[in-house]
Amino acid sequence: MLYVAVGFLEWLTPGAGETFWRSPLLLVPVELTRSVPGGRYSLRMTDDEVTLNPTLVYKLRKEFGLTLPDLPDDDDFALEPFLAQIEALVAGHDGWQVTRECALGLFSF
């Protein structure tokens, strides 16, 4: 499934040297369409729900004892305060950071 990944968590795994890991935080389901062959593509959200990266949620809970905040159920979702919550959660871990980037990609989990 095609997603726009919004926000990334970068972290170091203890005992793995200076190797950084990087995972998307939010996954927004999208589709690419174009009206005519050779025309411009359009990107639009699908009717599926925006989700937290379920693989990252599991990994953080199991390996680091961290629980990411739940996504709000209402339409008043604000991205910046949500990412700030995650930053506060990982603040005690040296070398961990939340980046404000987006990427388009195929994700399966």
PDB file of N, CA and C in Angstrom:
ATOM      1  N   MET A   1       0.840  -1.181   0.000  1.00  0.00           N
ATOM      2  CA  MET A   1       0.000   0.000   0.000  1.00  0.00           C
ATOM      3  C   MET A   1       0.883   1.241   0.000  1.00  0.00           C
ATOM      4  N   LEU A   2       0.452   2.259  -0.715  1.00  0.00           N
ATOM      5  CA  LEU A   2       1.212   3.496  -0.850  1.00  0.00           C
ATOM      6  C   LEU A   2       0.856   4.443   0.300  1.00  0.00           C
ATOM      7  N   TYR A   3       1.884   4.995   0.920  1.00  0.00           N
ATOM      8  CA  TYR A   3       1.698   5.909   2.040  1.00  0.00           C
ATOM      9  C   TYR A   3       2.599   7.122   1.897  1.00  0.00           C
ATOM     10  N   VAL A   4       2.165   8.220   2.509  1.00  0.00           N
ATOM     11  CA  VAL A   4       3.065   9.323   2.795  1.00  0.00           C
ATOM     12  C   VAL A   4       3.458   9.130   4.252  1.00  0.00           C
ATOM     13  N   ALA A   5       4.749   8.930   4.477  1.00  0.00           N
ATOM     14  CA  ALA A   5       5.267   8.807   5.832  1.00  0.00           C
ATOM     15  C   ALA A   5       5.531  10.222   6.334  1.00  0.00           C
ATOM     16  N   VAL A   6       5.011  10.525   7.518  1.00  0.00           N
ATOM     17  CA  VAL A   6       5.125  11.867   8.076  1.00  0.00           C
ATOM     18  C   VAL A   6       5.850  11.781   9.411  1.00  0.00           C
ATOM     19  N   GLY A   7       6.979  12.441   9.501  1.00  0.00           N
ATOM     20  CA  GLY A   7       7.793  12.402  10.714  1.00  0.00           C
ATOM     21  C   GLY A   7       8.547  11.087  10.806  1.00  0.00           C
ATOM     22  N   PHE A   8       9.782  11.161  11.235  1.00  0.00           N
ATOM     23  CA  PHE A   8      10.611   9.970  11.385  1.00  0.00           C
ATOM     24  C   PHE A   8      11.262   9.966  12.753  1.00  0.00           C
ATOM     25  N   LEU A   9      11.422   8.769  13.295  1.00  0.00           N
ATOM     26  CA  LEU A   9      12.187   8.593  14.520  1.00  0.00           C
ATOM     27  C   LEU A   9      13.536   8.025  14.127  1.00  0.00           C
ATOM     28  N   GLU A  10      14.602   8.687  14.566  1.00  0.00           N
ATOM     29  CA  GLU A  10      15.956   8.194  14.368  1.00  0.00           C
ATOM     30  C   GLU A  10      16.505   7.814  15.725  1.00  0.00           C
ATOM     31  N   TRP A  11      17.123   6.637  15.818  1.00  0.00           N
ATOM     32  CA  TRP A  11      17.627   6.189  17.105  1.00  0.00           C
ATOM     33  C   TRP A  11      18.848   5.306  16.950  1.00  0.00           C
ATOM     34  N   LEU A  12      19.557   5.174  18.070  1.00  0.00           N
ATOM     35  CA  LEU A  12      20.689   4.278  18.179  1.00  0.00           C
ATOM     36  C   LEU A  12      20.254   3.064  18.982  1.00  0.00           C
ATOM     37  N   THR A  13      20.693   1.902  18.564  1.00  0.00           N
ATOM     38  CA  THR A  13      20.414   0.692  19.334  1.00  0.00           C
ATOM     39  C   THR A  13      21.609   0.439  20.243  1.00  0.00           C
ATOM     40  N   PRO A  14      21.371   0.295  21.552  1.00  0.00           N
ATOM     41  CA  PRO A  14      22.482   0.053  22.474  1.00  0.00           C
ATOM     42  C   PRO A  14      23.301  -1.166  22.047  1.00  0.00           C
ATOM     43  N   GLY A  15      24.623  -1.003  22.076  1.00  0.00           N
ATOM     44  CA  GLY A  15      25.510  -2.101  21.730  1.00  0.00           C
ATOM     45  C   GLY A  15      25.738  -2.279  20.246  1.00  0.00           C
ATOM     46  N   ALA A  16      25.116  -1.431  19.406  1.00  0.00           N
ATOM     47  CA  ALA A  16      25.268  -1.574  17.954  1.00  0.00           C
ATOM     48  C   ALA A  16      26.183  -0.503  17.371  1.00  0.00           C
ATOM     49  N   GLY A  17      26.988   0.121  18.208  1.00  0.00           N
ATOM     50  CA  GLY A  17      27.896   1.151  17.719  1.00  0.00           C
ATOM     51  C   GLY A  17      27.156   2.419  17.353  1.00  0.00           C
ATOM     52  N   GLU A  18      27.610   3.053  16.302  1.00  0.00           N
ATOM     53  CA  GLU A  18      27.038   4.334  15.863  1.00  0.00           C
ATOM     54  C   GLU A  18      26.028   4.176  14.733  1.00  0.00           C
ATOM     55  N   THR A  19      25.454   2.996  14.581  1.00  0.00           N
ATOM     56  CA  THR A  19      24.484   2.762  13.521  1.00  0.00           C
ATOM     57  C   THR A  19      23.139   3.384  13.896  1.00  0.00           C
ATOM     58  N   PHE A  20      22.670   4.311  13.063  1.00  0.00           N
ATOM     59  CA  PHE A  20      21.367   4.926  13.275  1.00  0.00           C
ATOM     60  C   PHE A  20      20.294   4.128  12.561  1.00  0.00           C
ATOM     61  N   TRP A  21      19.162   3.992  13.207  1.00  0.00           N
ATOM     62  CA  TRP A  21      17.976   3.402  12.592  1.00  0.00           C
ATOM     63  C   TRP A  21      16.999   4.538  12.350  1.00  0.00           C
ATOM     64  N   ARG A  22      16.156   4.384  11.351  1.00  0.00           N
ATOM     65  CA  ARG A  22      15.216   5.447  10.983  1.00  0.00           C
ATOM     66  C   ARG A  22      13.903   4.816  10.571  1.00  0.00           C
ATOM     67  N   SER A  23      12.818   5.225  11.215  1.00  0.00           N
ATOM     68  CA  SER A  23      11.497   4.672  10.900  1.00  0.00           C
ATOM     69  C   SER A  23      10.464   5.782  10.830  1.00  0.00           C
ATOM     70  N   PRO A  24       9.511   5.637   9.914  1.00  0.00           N
ATOM     71  CA  PRO A  24       8.425   6.619   9.850  1.00  0.00           C
ATOM     72  C   PRO A  24       7.517   6.490  11.068  1.00  0.00           C
ATOM     73  N   LEU A  25       6.957   7.610  11.495  1.00  0.00           N
ATOM     74  CA  LEU A  25       6.035   7.614  12.626  1.00  0.00           C
ATOM     75  C   LEU A  25       4.584   7.472  12.177  1.00  0.00           C
ATOM     76  N   LEU A  26       4.118   8.387  11.353  1.00  0.00           N
ATOM     77  CA  LEU A  26       2.733   8.360  10.876  1.00  0.00           C
ATOM     78  C   LEU A  26       2.687   7.898   9.428  1.00  0.00           C
ATOM     79  N   LEU A  27       1.684   7.112   9.113  1.00  0.00           N
ATOM     80  CA  LEU A  27       1.499   6.629   7.753  1.00  0.00           C
ATOM     81  C   LEU A  27       0.137   7.091   7.247  1.00  0.00           C
ATOM     82  N   VAL A  28       0.159   7.900   6.197  1.00  0.00           N
ATOM     83  CA  VAL A  28      -1.051   8.451   5.597  1.00  0.00           C
ATOM     84  C   VAL A  28      -1.300   7.695   4.290  1.00  0.00           C
ATOM     85  N   PRO A  29      -2.389   6.921   4.203  1.00  0.00           N
ATOM     86  CA  PRO A  29      -2.654   6.158   2.976  1.00  0.00           C
ATOM     87  C   PRO A  29      -3.053   7.087   1.834  1.00  0.00           C
ATOM     88  N   VAL A  30      -2.405   6.879   0.686  1.00  0.00           N
ATOM     89  CA  VAL A  30      -2.647   7.746  -0.467  1.00  0.00           C
ATOM     90  C   VAL A  30      -2.711   6.904  -1.743  1.00  0.00           C
ATOM     91  N   GLU A  31      -3.131   7.555  -2.805  1.00  0.00           N
ATOM     92  CA  GLU A  31      -3.070   6.927  -4.117  1.00  0.00           C
ATOM     93  C   GLU A  31      -2.609   7.959  -5.140  1.00  0.00           C
ATOM     94  N   LEU A  32      -1.892   7.466  -6.133  1.00  0.00           N
ATOM     95  CA  LEU A  32      -1.463   8.289  -7.256  1.00  0.00           C
ATOM     96  C   LEU A  32      -2.369   7.986  -8.434  1.00  0.00           C
ATOM     97  N   THR A  33      -2.875   9.018  -9.054  1.00  0.00           N
ATOM     98  CA  THR A  33      -3.724   8.832 -10.232  1.00  0.00           C
ATOM     99  C   THR A  33      -3.314   9.855 -11.289  1.00  0.00           C
ATOM    100  N   ARG A  34      -3.691   9.552 -12.517  1.00  0.00           N
ATOM    101  CA  ARG A  34      -3.564  10.555 -13.572  1.00  0.00           C
ATOM    102  C   ARG A  34      -4.710  10.340 -14.542  1.00  0.00           C
ATOM    103  N   SER A  35      -5.205  11.429 -15.061  1.00  0.00           N
ATOM    104  CA  SER A  35      -6.414  11.358 -15.878  1.00  0.00           C
ATOM    105  C   SER A  35      -6.134  10.879 -17.299  1.00  0.00           C
ATOM    106  N   VAL A  36      -4.945  11.147 -17.806  1.00  0.00           N
ATOM    107  CA  VAL A  36      -4.611  10.713 -19.169  1.00  0.00           C
ATOM    108  C   VAL A  36      -3.207  10.120 -19.167  1.00  0.00           C
ATOM    109  N   PRO A  37      -2.956   9.129 -20.005  1.00  0.00           N
ATOM    110  CA  PRO A  37      -1.598   8.578 -20.086  1.00  0.00           C
ATOM    111  C   PRO A  37      -0.594   9.685 -20.437  1.00  0.00           C
ATOM    112  N   GLY A  38       0.503   9.702 -19.717  1.00  0.00           N
ATOM    113  CA  GLY A  38       1.516  10.721 -19.941  1.00  0.00           C
ATOM    114  C   GLY A  38       1.217  12.044 -19.260  1.00  0.00           C
ATOM    115  N   GLY A  39       0.047  12.140 -18.601  1.00  0.00           N
ATOM    116  CA  GLY A  39      -0.330  13.362 -17.900  1.00  0.00           C
ATOM    117  C   GLY A  39       0.331  13.453 -16.535  1.00  0.00           C
ATOM    118  N   ARG A  40       0.020  14.503 -15.840  1.00  0.00           N
ATOM    119  CA  ARG A  40       0.562  14.714 -14.502  1.00  0.00           C
ATOM    120  C   ARG A  40      -0.147  13.820 -13.504  1.00  0.00           C
ATOM    121  N   TYR A  41       0.596  13.390 -12.519  1.00  0.00           N
ATOM    122  CA  TYR A  41       0.026  12.589 -11.440  1.00  0.00           C
ATOM    123  C   TYR A  41      -0.617  13.488 -10.402  1.00  0.00           C
ATOM    124  N   SER A  42      -1.653  12.965  -9.768  1.00  0.00           N
ATOM    125  CA  SER A  42      -2.284  13.621  -8.625  1.00  0.00           C
ATOM    126  C   SER A  42      -2.172  12.686  -7.432  1.00  0.00           C
ATOM    127  N   LEU A  43      -1.894  13.245  -6.289  1.00  0.00           N
ATOM    128  CA  LEU A  43      -1.789  12.484  -5.048  1.00  0.00           C
ATOM    129  C   LEU A  43      -2.971  12.850  -4.175  1.00  0.00           C
ATOM    130  N   ARG A  44      -3.687  11.832  -3.688  1.00  0.00           N
ATOM    131  CA  ARG A  44      -4.812  12.119  -2.801  1.00  0.00           C
ATOM    132  C   ARG A  44      -4.888  11.060  -1.718  1.00  0.00           C
ATOM    133  N   MET A  45      -5.413  11.475  -0.564  1.00  0.00           N
ATOM    134  CA  MET A  45      -5.621  10.539   0.531  1.00  0.00           C
ATOM    135  C   MET A  45      -6.717   9.557   0.160  1.00  0.00           C
ATOM    136  N   THR A  46      -6.585   8.335   0.650  1.00  0.00           N
ATOM    137  CA  THR A  46      -7.660   7.366   0.483  1.00  0.00           C
ATOM    138  C   THR A  46      -8.577   7.469   1.691  1.00  0.00           C
ATOM    139  N   ASP A  47      -9.621   6.655   1.713  1.00  0.00           N
ATOM    140  CA  ASP A  47     -10.552   6.669   2.832  1.00  0.00           C
ATOM    141  C   ASP A  47     -10.039   5.886   4.043  1.00  0.00           C
ATOM    142  N   ASP A  48      -8.902   5.204   3.893  1.00  0.00           N
ATOM    143  CA  ASP A  48      -8.327   4.480   5.025  1.00  0.00           C
ATOM    144  C   ASP A  48      -7.799   5.468   6.051  1.00  0.00           C
ATOM    145  N   GLU A  49      -7.614   4.994   7.265  1.00  0.00           N
ATOM    146  CA  GLU A  49      -7.217   5.866   8.369  1.00  0.00           C
ATOM    147  C   GLU A  49      -5.715   6.091   8.431  1.00  0.00           C
ATOM    148  N   VAL A  50      -5.349   7.282   8.882  1.00  0.00           N
ATOM    149  CA  VAL A  50      -3.962   7.580   9.203  1.00  0.00           C
ATOM    150  C   VAL A  50      -3.606   6.746  10.425  1.00  0.00           C
ATOM    151  N   THR A  51      -2.430   6.128  10.408  1.00  0.00           N
ATOM    152  CA  THR A  51      -2.044   5.264  11.528  1.00  0.00           C
ATOM    153  C   THR A  51      -0.619   5.552  11.967  1.00  0.00           C
ATOM    154  N   LEU A  52      -0.357   5.172  13.197  1.00  0.00           N
ATOM    155  CA  LEU A  52       1.020   5.107  13.660  1.00  0.00           C
ATOM    156  C   LEU A  52       1.656   3.877  13.043  1.00  0.00           C
ATOM    157  N   ASN A  53       2.923   3.942  12.758  1.00  0.00           N
ATOM    158  CA  ASN A  53       3.643   2.814  12.199  1.00  0.00           C
ATOM    159  C   ASN A  53       3.548   1.633  13.179  1.00  0.00           C
ATOM    160  N   PRO A  54       2.755   0.605  12.863  1.00  0.00           N
ATOM    161  CA  PRO A  54       2.524  -0.475  13.823  1.00  0.00           C
ATOM    162  C   PRO A  54       3.783  -1.274  14.148  1.00  0.00           C
ATOM    163  N   THR A  55       4.684  -1.406  13.199  1.00  0.00           N
ATOM    164  CA  THR A  55       5.926  -2.130  13.458  1.00  0.00           C
ATOM    165  C   THR A  55       6.797  -1.358  14.439  1.00  0.00           C
ATOM    166  N   LEU A  56       6.867  -0.047  14.277  1.00  0.00           N
ATOM    167  CA  LEU A  56       7.644   0.779  15.200  1.00  0.00           C
ATOM    168  C   LEU A  56       7.009   0.791  16.588  1.00  0.00           C
ATOM    169  N   VAL A  57       5.691   0.887  16.643  1.00  0.00           N
ATOM    170  CA  VAL A  57       4.987   0.860  17.935  1.00  0.00           C
ATOM    171  C   VAL A  57       5.358  -0.407  18.703  1.00  0.00           C
ATOM    172  N   TYR A  58       5.332  -1.543  18.020  1.00  0.00           N
ATOM    173  CA  TYR A  58       5.658  -2.830  18.647  1.00  0.00           C
ATOM    174  C   TYR A  58       7.119  -2.871  19.096  1.00  0.00           C
ATOM    175  N   LYS A  59       8.022  -2.458  18.223  1.00  0.00           N
ATOM    176  CA  LYS A  59       9.451  -2.490  18.533  1.00  0.00           C
ATOM    177  C   LYS A  59       9.787  -1.607  19.733  1.00  0.00           C
ATOM    178  N   LEU A  60       9.255  -0.400  19.759  1.00  0.00           N
ATOM    179  CA  LEU A  60       9.549   0.503  20.870  1.00  0.00           C
ATOM    180  C   LEU A  60       9.025  -0.031  22.194  1.00  0.00           C
ATOM    181  N   ARG A  61       7.845  -0.631  22.151  1.00  0.00           N
ATOM    182  CA  ARG A  61       7.265  -1.180  23.382  1.00  0.00           C
ATOM    183  C   ARG A  61       8.061  -2.395  23.857  1.00  0.00           C
ATOM    184  N   LYS A  62       8.366  -3.290  22.940  1.00  0.00           N
ATOM    185  CA  LYS A  62       9.027  -4.552  23.312  1.00  0.00           C
ATOM    186  C   LYS A  62      10.490  -4.356  23.693  1.00  0.00           C
ATOM    187  N   GLU A  63      11.239  -3.590  22.906  1.00  0.00           N
ATOM    188  CA  GLU A  63      12.678  -3.482  23.135  1.00  0.00           C
ATOM    189  C   GLU A  63      13.088  -2.343  24.048  1.00  0.00           C
ATOM    190  N   PHE A  64      12.254  -1.285  24.134  1.00  0.00           N
ATOM    191  CA  PHE A  64      12.657  -0.116  24.900  1.00  0.00           C
ATOM    192  C   PHE A  64      11.662   0.276  25.986  1.00  0.00           C
ATOM    193  N   GLY A  65      10.542  -0.421  26.078  1.00  0.00           N
ATOM    194  CA  GLY A  65       9.533  -0.098  27.082  1.00  0.00           C
ATOM    195  C   GLY A  65       8.865   1.245  26.861  1.00  0.00           C
ATOM    196  N   LEU A  66       8.836   1.716  25.629  1.00  0.00           N
ATOM    197  CA  LEU A  66       8.225   3.011  25.310  1.00  0.00           C
ATOM    198  C   LEU A  66       6.876   2.800  24.636  1.00  0.00           C
ATOM    199  N   THR A  67       5.894   3.571  25.046  1.00  0.00           N
ATOM    200  CA  THR A  67       4.569   3.513  24.441  1.00  0.00           C
ATOM    201  C   THR A  67       4.286   4.849  23.769  1.00  0.00           C
ATOM    202  N   LEU A  68       4.133   4.819  22.451  1.00  0.00           N
ATOM    203  CA  LEU A  68       3.821   6.046  21.719  1.00  0.00           C
ATOM    204  C   LEU A  68       2.412   6.508  22.052  1.00  0.00           C
ATOM    205  N   PRO A  69       2.177   7.819  22.028  1.00  0.00           N
ATOM    206  CA  PRO A  69       0.829   8.319  22.298  1.00  0.00           C
ATOM    207  C   PRO A  69      -0.146   7.880  21.210  1.00  0.00           C
ATOM    208  N   ASP A  70      -1.401   7.715  21.604  1.00  0.00           N
ATOM    209  CA  ASP A  70      -2.440   7.356  20.636  1.00  0.00           C
ATOM    210  C   ASP A  70      -2.758   8.557  19.750  1.00  0.00           C
ATOM    211  N   LEU A  71      -3.154   8.262  18.540  1.00  0.00           N
ATOM    212  CA  LEU A  71      -3.630   9.327  17.663  1.00  0.00           C
ATOM    213  C   LEU A  71      -5.000   9.778  18.143  1.00  0.00           C
ATOM    214  N   PRO A  72      -5.272  11.072  18.145  1.00  0.00           N
ATOM    215  CA  PRO A  72      -6.599  11.540  18.538  1.00  0.00           C
ATOM    216  C   PRO A  72      -7.664  11.049  17.561  1.00  0.00           C
ATOM    217  N   ASP A  73      -8.869  10.834  18.064  1.00  0.00           N
ATOM    218  CA  ASP A  73      -9.974  10.356  17.231  1.00  0.00           C
ATOM    219  C   ASP A  73     -10.710  11.485  16.515  1.00  0.00           C
ATOM    220  N   ASP A  74     -10.429  12.724  16.889  1.00  0.00           N
ATOM    221  CA  ASP A  74     -11.207  13.837  16.327  1.00  0.00           C
ATOM    222  C   ASP A  74     -10.524  14.427  15.091  1.00  0.00           C
ATOM    223  N   ASP A  75     -11.218  15.375  14.469  1.00  0.00           N
ATOM    224  CA  ASP A  75     -10.711  16.027  13.268  1.00  0.00           C
ATOM    225  C   ASP A  75      -9.767  17.183  13.586  1.00  0.00           C
ATOM    226  N   ASP A  76      -9.526  17.441  14.872  1.00  0.00           N
ATOM    227  CA  ASP A  76      -8.679  18.556  15.272  1.00  0.00           C
ATOM    228  C   ASP A  76      -7.231  18.140  15.480  1.00  0.00           C
ATOM    229  N   PHE A  77      -6.797  17.090  14.813  1.00  0.00           N
ATOM    230  CA  PHE A  77      -5.437  16.597  14.963  1.00  0.00           C
ATOM    231  C   PHE A  77      -4.440  17.661  14.526  1.00  0.00           C
ATOM    232  N   ALA A  78      -3.479  17.936  15.392  1.00  0.00           N
ATOM    233  CA  ALA A  78      -2.417  18.889  15.077  1.00  0.00           C
ATOM    234  C   ALA A  78      -1.092  18.127  15.090  1.00  0.00           C
ATOM    235  N   LEU A  79      -0.398  18.141  13.995  1.00  0.00           N
ATOM    236  CA  LEU A  79       0.818  17.349  13.838  1.00  0.00           C
ATOM    237  C   LEU A  79       1.935  17.794  14.772  1.00  0.00           C
ATOM    238  N   GLU A  80       2.215  19.069  14.833  1.00  0.00           N
ATOM    239  CA  GLU A  80       3.365  19.541  15.606  1.00  0.00           C
ATOM    240  C   GLU A  80       3.277  19.172  17.097  1.00  0.00           C
ATOM    241  N   PRO A  81       2.150  19.394  17.768  1.00  0.00           N
ATOM    242  CA  PRO A  81       2.080  18.972  19.173  1.00  0.00           C
ATOM    243  C   PRO A  81       2.234  17.455  19.339  1.00  0.00           C
ATOM    244  N   PHE A  82       1.739  16.696  18.378  1.00  0.00           N
ATOM    245  CA  PHE A  82       1.867  15.246  18.448  1.00  0.00           C
ATOM    246  C   PHE A  82       3.334  14.831  18.341  1.00  0.00           C
ATOM    247  N   LEU A  83       4.063  15.404  17.382  1.00  0.00           N
ATOM    248  CA  LEU A  83       5.481  15.092  17.248  1.00  0.00           C
ATOM    249  C   LEU A  83       6.266  15.567  18.472  1.00  0.00           C
ATOM    250  N   ALA A  84       5.855  16.682  19.061  1.00  0.00           N
ATOM    251  CA  ALA A  84       6.511  17.170  20.278  1.00  0.00           C
ATOM    252  C   ALA A  84       6.310  16.186  21.440  1.00  0.00           C
ATOM    253  N   GLN A  85       5.147  15.553  21.512  1.00  0.00           N
ATOM    254  CA  GLN A  85       4.909  14.529  22.535  1.00  0.00           C
ATOM    255  C   GLN A  85       5.896  13.373  22.378  1.00  0.00           C
ATOM    256  N   ILE A  86       6.114  12.963  21.146  1.00  0.00           N
ATOM    257  CA  ILE A  86       7.039  11.867  20.892  1.00  0.00           C
ATOM    258  C   ILE A  86       8.466  12.301  21.218  1.00  0.00           C
ATOM    259  N   GLU A  87       8.812  13.534  20.887  1.00  0.00           N
ATOM    260  CA  GLU A  87      10.139  14.050  21.244  1.00  0.00           C
ATOM    261  C   GLU A  87      10.348  14.007  22.749  1.00  0.00           C
ATOM    262  N   ALA A  88       9.345  14.412  23.503  1.00  0.00           N
ATOM    263  CA  ALA A  88       9.454  14.384  24.965  1.00  0.00           C
ATOM    264  C   ALA A  88       9.613  12.952  25.470  1.00  0.00           C
ATOM    265  N   LEU A  89       8.942  12.016  24.835  1.00  0.00           N
ATOM    266  CA  LEU A  89       9.006  10.609  25.232  1.00  0.00           C
ATOM    267  C   LEU A  89      10.404  10.033  25.042  1.00  0.00           C
ATOM    268  N   VAL A  90      11.084  10.419  23.973  1.00  0.00           N
ATOM    269  CA  VAL A  90      12.407   9.843  23.672  1.00  0.00           C
ATOM    270  C   VAL A  90      13.554  10.735  24.143  1.00  0.00           C
ATOM    271  N   ALA A  91      13.235  11.846  24.792  1.00  0.00           N
ATOM    272  CA  ALA A  91      14.264  12.815  25.186  1.00  0.00           C
ATOM    273  C   ALA A  91      15.350  12.209  26.071  1.00  0.00           C
ATOM    274  N   GLY A  92      15.038  11.212  26.852  1.00  0.00           N
ATOM    275  CA  GLY A  92      16.021  10.607  27.744  1.00  0.00           C
ATOM    276  C   GLY A  92      16.959   9.624  27.075  1.00  0.00           C
ATOM    277  N   HIS A  93      16.791   9.408  25.804  1.00  0.00           N
ATOM    278  CA  HIS A  93      17.623   8.454  25.069  1.00  0.00           C
ATOM    279  C   HIS A  93      18.643   9.214  24.219  1.00  0.00           C
ATOM    280  N   ASP A  94      19.920   9.050  24.546  1.00  0.00           N
ATOM    281  CA  ASP A  94      20.974   9.745  23.804  1.00  0.00           C
ATOM    282  C   ASP A  94      20.961   9.343  22.329  1.00  0.00           C
ATOM    283  N   GLY A  95      21.057  10.344  21.475  1.00  0.00           N
ATOM    284  CA  GLY A  95      21.126  10.090  20.047  1.00  0.00           C
ATOM    285  C   GLY A  95      19.788   9.882  19.369  1.00  0.00           C
ATOM    286  N   TRP A  96      18.698   9.918  20.114  1.00  0.00           N
ATOM    287  CA  TRP A  96      17.370   9.736  19.522  1.00  0.00           C
ATOM    288  C   TRP A  96      16.809  11.101  19.144  1.00  0.00           C
ATOM    289  N   GLN A  97      16.122  11.151  18.006  1.00  0.00           N
ATOM    290  CA  GLN A  97      15.478  12.399  17.610  1.00  0.00           C
ATOM    291  C   GLN A  97      14.295  12.140  16.686  1.00  0.00           C
ATOM    292  N   VAL A  98      13.392  13.103  16.663  1.00  0.00           N
ATOM    293  CA  VAL A  98      12.246  13.096  15.758  1.00  0.00           C
ATOM    294  C   VAL A  98      12.533  14.131  14.680  1.00  0.00           C
ATOM    295  N   THR A  99      12.430  13.707  13.417  1.00  0.00           N
ATOM    296  CA  THR A  99      12.645  14.646  12.319  1.00  0.00           C
ATOM    297  C   THR A  99      11.311  14.947  11.642  1.00  0.00           C
ATOM    298  N   ARG A 100      11.215  16.149  11.158  1.00  0.00           N
ATOM    299  CA  ARG A 100       9.994  16.595  10.476  1.00  0.00           C
ATOM    300  C   ARG A 100      10.217  16.526   8.975  1.00  0.00           C
ATOM    301  N   GLU A 101      10.025  15.326   8.462  1.00  0.00           N
ATOM    302  CA  GLU A 101      10.194  15.063   7.042  1.00  0.00           C
ATOM    303  C   GLU A 101       9.024  14.225   6.557  1.00  0.00           C
ATOM    304  N   CYS A 102       8.833  14.221   5.255  1.00  0.00           N
ATOM    305  CA  CYS A 102       7.812  13.363   4.629  1.00  0.00           C
ATOM    306  C   CYS A 102       8.463  12.578   3.505  1.00  0.00           C
ATOM    307  N   ALA A 103       7.931  11.390   3.275  1.00  0.00           N
ATOM    308  CA  ALA A 103       8.421  10.553   2.180  1.00  0.00           C
ATOM    309  C   ALA A 103       7.262   9.746   1.645  1.00  0.00           C
ATOM    310  N   LEU A 104       7.266   9.512   0.348  1.00  0.00           N
ATOM    311  CA  LEU A 104       6.258   8.680  -0.304  1.00  0.00           C
ATOM    312  C   LEU A 104       6.867   7.301  -0.485  1.00  0.00           C
ATOM    313  N   GLY A 105       6.143   6.272  -0.060  1.00  0.00           N
ATOM    314  CA  GLY A 105       6.701   4.932  -0.198  1.00  0.00           C
ATOM    315  C   GLY A 105       5.673   3.836  -0.047  1.00  0.00           C
ATOM    316  N   LEU A 106       6.083   2.635  -0.409  1.00  0.00           N
ATOM    317  CA  LEU A 106       5.277   1.438  -0.242  1.00  0.00           C
ATOM    318  C   LEU A 106       5.671   0.810   1.080  1.00  0.00           C
ATOM    319  N   PHE A 107       4.719   0.615   1.960  1.00  0.00           N
ATOM    320  CA  PHE A 107       4.981   0.031   3.275  1.00  0.00           C
ATOM    321  C   PHE A 107       4.055  -1.163   3.469  1.00  0.00           C
ATOM    322  N   SER A 108       4.622  -2.231   3.990  1.00  0.00           N
ATOM    323  CA  SER A 108       3.796  -3.386   4.364  1.00  0.00           C
ATOM    324  C   SER A 108       4.181  -3.783   5.767  1.00  0.00           C
ATOM    325  N   PHE A 109       3.201  -4.245   6.514  1.00  0.00           N
ATOM    326  CA  PHE A 109       3.457  -4.638   7.904  1.00  0.00           C
ATOM    327  C   PHE A 109       2.445  -5.661   8.302  1.00  0.00           C
TER     328      PHE A 109
END
